């Protein structure tokens, strides 16, 4: 699946959730908070997709497969 397809899927999901919040049936306050939180997450995800769509292709991607160095700050944070 390409980024534009993923973007379209999440954009449609965002619109459905916004329509649910605006609907006449009303949504309970707890569900409303859940929907607003999900909308914020979707908007953040869409912004991230937009960013990567606009990044020049010659910029190297971060290496996410290399293990965390034992001396690094993150390794101390996530030590069990």
C-alpha atoms as a PDB file:
ATOM      1  CA  UNK A   1       0.000   0.000   0.000  1.00  0.00           C
ATOM      2  CA  UNK A   2       1.401   3.415  -0.887  1.00  0.00           C
ATOM      3  CA  UNK A   3       1.382   6.485   1.327  1.00  0.00           C
ATOM      4  CA  UNK A   4      -1.387   8.162  -0.645  1.00  0.00           C
ATOM      5  CA  UNK A   5      -3.677   5.158  -0.066  1.00  0.00           C
ATOM      6  CA  UNK A   6      -2.927   5.156   3.655  1.00  0.00           C
ATOM      7  CA  UNK A   7      -3.460   8.906   3.785  1.00  0.00           C
ATOM      8  CA  UNK A   8      -6.834   8.571   2.052  1.00  0.00           C
ATOM      9  CA  UNK A   9      -7.995   5.809   4.412  1.00  0.00           C
ATOM     10  CA  UNK A  10      -7.132   7.821   7.504  1.00  0.00           C
ATOM     11  CA  UNK A  11      -8.577  11.028   6.074  1.00  0.00           C
ATOM     12  CA  UNK A  12     -11.896   9.225   5.503  1.00  0.00           C
ATOM     13  CA  UNK A  13     -11.787   7.785   9.018  1.00  0.00           C
ATOM     14  CA  UNK A  14     -11.158  11.275  10.414  1.00  0.00           C
ATOM     15  CA  UNK A  15     -14.173  12.655   8.545  1.00  0.00           C
ATOM     16  CA  UNK A  16     -16.426   9.855   9.851  1.00  0.00           C
ATOM     17  CA  UNK A  17     -15.337  10.576  13.420  1.00  0.00           C
ATOM     18  CA  UNK A  18     -15.913  14.308  12.982  1.00  0.00           C
ATOM     19  CA  UNK A  19     -19.401  13.570  11.642  1.00  0.00           C
ATOM     20  CA  UNK A  20     -20.093  11.369  14.666  1.00  0.00           C
ATOM     21  CA  UNK A  21     -19.149  14.234  16.975  1.00  0.00           C
ATOM     22  CA  UNK A  22     -21.365  16.674  15.053  1.00  0.00           C
ATOM     23  CA  UNK A  23     -24.263  14.229  14.775  1.00  0.00           C
ATOM     24  CA  UNK A  24     -27.692  15.015  16.152  1.00  0.00           C
ATOM     25  CA  UNK A  25     -27.900  11.776  18.151  1.00  0.00           C
ATOM     26  CA  UNK A  26     -25.282  13.032  20.563  1.00  0.00           C
ATOM     27  CA  UNK A  27     -22.392  11.142  22.001  1.00  0.00           C
ATOM     28  CA  UNK A  28     -21.775  10.525  25.684  1.00  0.00           C
ATOM     29  CA  UNK A  29     -19.087  12.697  27.228  1.00  0.00           C
ATOM     30  CA  UNK A  30     -16.697   9.775  27.728  1.00  0.00           C
ATOM     31  CA  UNK A  31     -17.098   8.656  24.122  1.00  0.00           C
ATOM     32  CA  UNK A  32     -16.700  12.246  22.974  1.00  0.00           C
ATOM     33  CA  UNK A  33     -13.342  12.451  24.759  1.00  0.00           C
ATOM     34  CA  UNK A  34     -12.262   9.160  23.190  1.00  0.00           C
ATOM     35  CA  UNK A  35     -13.232  10.362  19.713  1.00  0.00           C
ATOM     36  CA  UNK A  36     -11.435  13.680  20.189  1.00  0.00           C
ATOM     37  CA  UNK A  37      -8.308  11.835  21.327  1.00  0.00           C
ATOM     38  CA  UNK A  38      -8.495   9.516  18.329  1.00  0.00           C
ATOM     39  CA  UNK A  39      -8.965  12.510  16.017  1.00  0.00           C
ATOM     40  CA  UNK A  40      -5.847  14.126  17.460  1.00  0.00           C
ATOM     41  CA  UNK A  41      -3.876  10.918  16.892  1.00  0.00           C
ATOM     42  CA  UNK A  42      -5.122  10.657  13.309  1.00  0.00           C
ATOM     43  CA  UNK A  43      -4.244  14.293  12.621  1.00  0.00           C
ATOM     44  CA  UNK A  44      -0.747  13.730  14.005  1.00  0.00           C
ATOM     45  CA  UNK A  45      -0.358  10.625  11.841  1.00  0.00           C
ATOM     46  CA  UNK A  46      -1.546  12.499   8.743  1.00  0.00           C
ATOM     47  CA  UNK A  47       0.903  15.310   9.488  1.00  0.00           C
ATOM     48  CA  UNK A  48       3.693  12.748   9.734  1.00  0.00           C
ATOM     49  CA  UNK A  49       2.700  11.259   6.383  1.00  0.00           C
ATOM     50  CA  UNK A  50       2.660  14.750   4.862  1.00  0.00           C
ATOM     51  CA  UNK A  51       6.121  15.410   6.244  1.00  0.00           C
ATOM     52  CA  UNK A  52       7.584  12.216   4.766  1.00  0.00           C
ATOM     53  CA  UNK A  53       5.829  12.860   1.474  1.00  0.00           C
ATOM     54  CA  UNK A  54       7.599  16.213   1.247  1.00  0.00           C
ATOM     55  CA  UNK A  55      11.064  15.095   2.440  1.00  0.00           C
ATOM     56  CA  UNK A  56      13.647  15.043  -0.349  1.00  0.00           C
ATOM     57  CA  UNK A  57      14.353  11.507  -1.507  1.00  0.00           C
ATOM     58  CA  UNK A  58      18.129  11.801  -1.016  1.00  0.00           C
ATOM     59  CA  UNK A  59      17.826  12.207   2.780  1.00  0.00           C
ATOM     60  CA  UNK A  60      18.791   8.951   4.512  1.00  0.00           C
ATOM     61  CA  UNK A  61      16.142   7.325   6.665  1.00  0.00           C
ATOM     62  CA  UNK A  62      16.903   6.736  10.339  1.00  0.00           C
ATOM     63  CA  UNK A  63      18.214   3.283  11.191  1.00  0.00           C
ATOM     64  CA  UNK A  64      15.535   1.778  13.436  1.00  0.00           C
ATOM     65  CA  UNK A  65      16.929  -1.754  13.411  1.00  0.00           C
ATOM     66  CA  UNK A  66      20.222  -1.096  15.188  1.00  0.00           C
ATOM     67  CA  UNK A  67      20.082  -2.163  18.835  1.00  0.00           C
ATOM     68  CA  UNK A  68      20.272   0.543  21.461  1.00  0.00           C
ATOM     69  CA  UNK A  69      23.807   1.104  22.766  1.00  0.00           C
ATOM     70  CA  UNK A  70      24.118   0.102  26.448  1.00  0.00           C
ATOM     71  CA  UNK A  71      25.705   3.463  27.244  1.00  0.00           C
ATOM     72  CA  UNK A  72      22.945   5.519  25.656  1.00  0.00           C
ATOM     73  CA  UNK A  73      20.343   7.537  27.508  1.00  0.00           C
ATOM     74  CA  UNK A  74      17.483   5.463  26.025  1.00  0.00           C
ATOM     75  CA  UNK A  75      18.985   2.167  27.174  1.00  0.00           C
ATOM     76  CA  UNK A  76      19.077   3.489  30.749  1.00  0.00           C
ATOM     77  CA  UNK A  77      15.490   4.665  30.432  1.00  0.00           C
ATOM     78  CA  UNK A  78      14.144   1.335  29.187  1.00  0.00           C
ATOM     79  CA  UNK A  79      16.285  -0.994  31.324  1.00  0.00           C
ATOM     80  CA  UNK A  80      14.257  -3.697  32.994  1.00  0.00           C
END
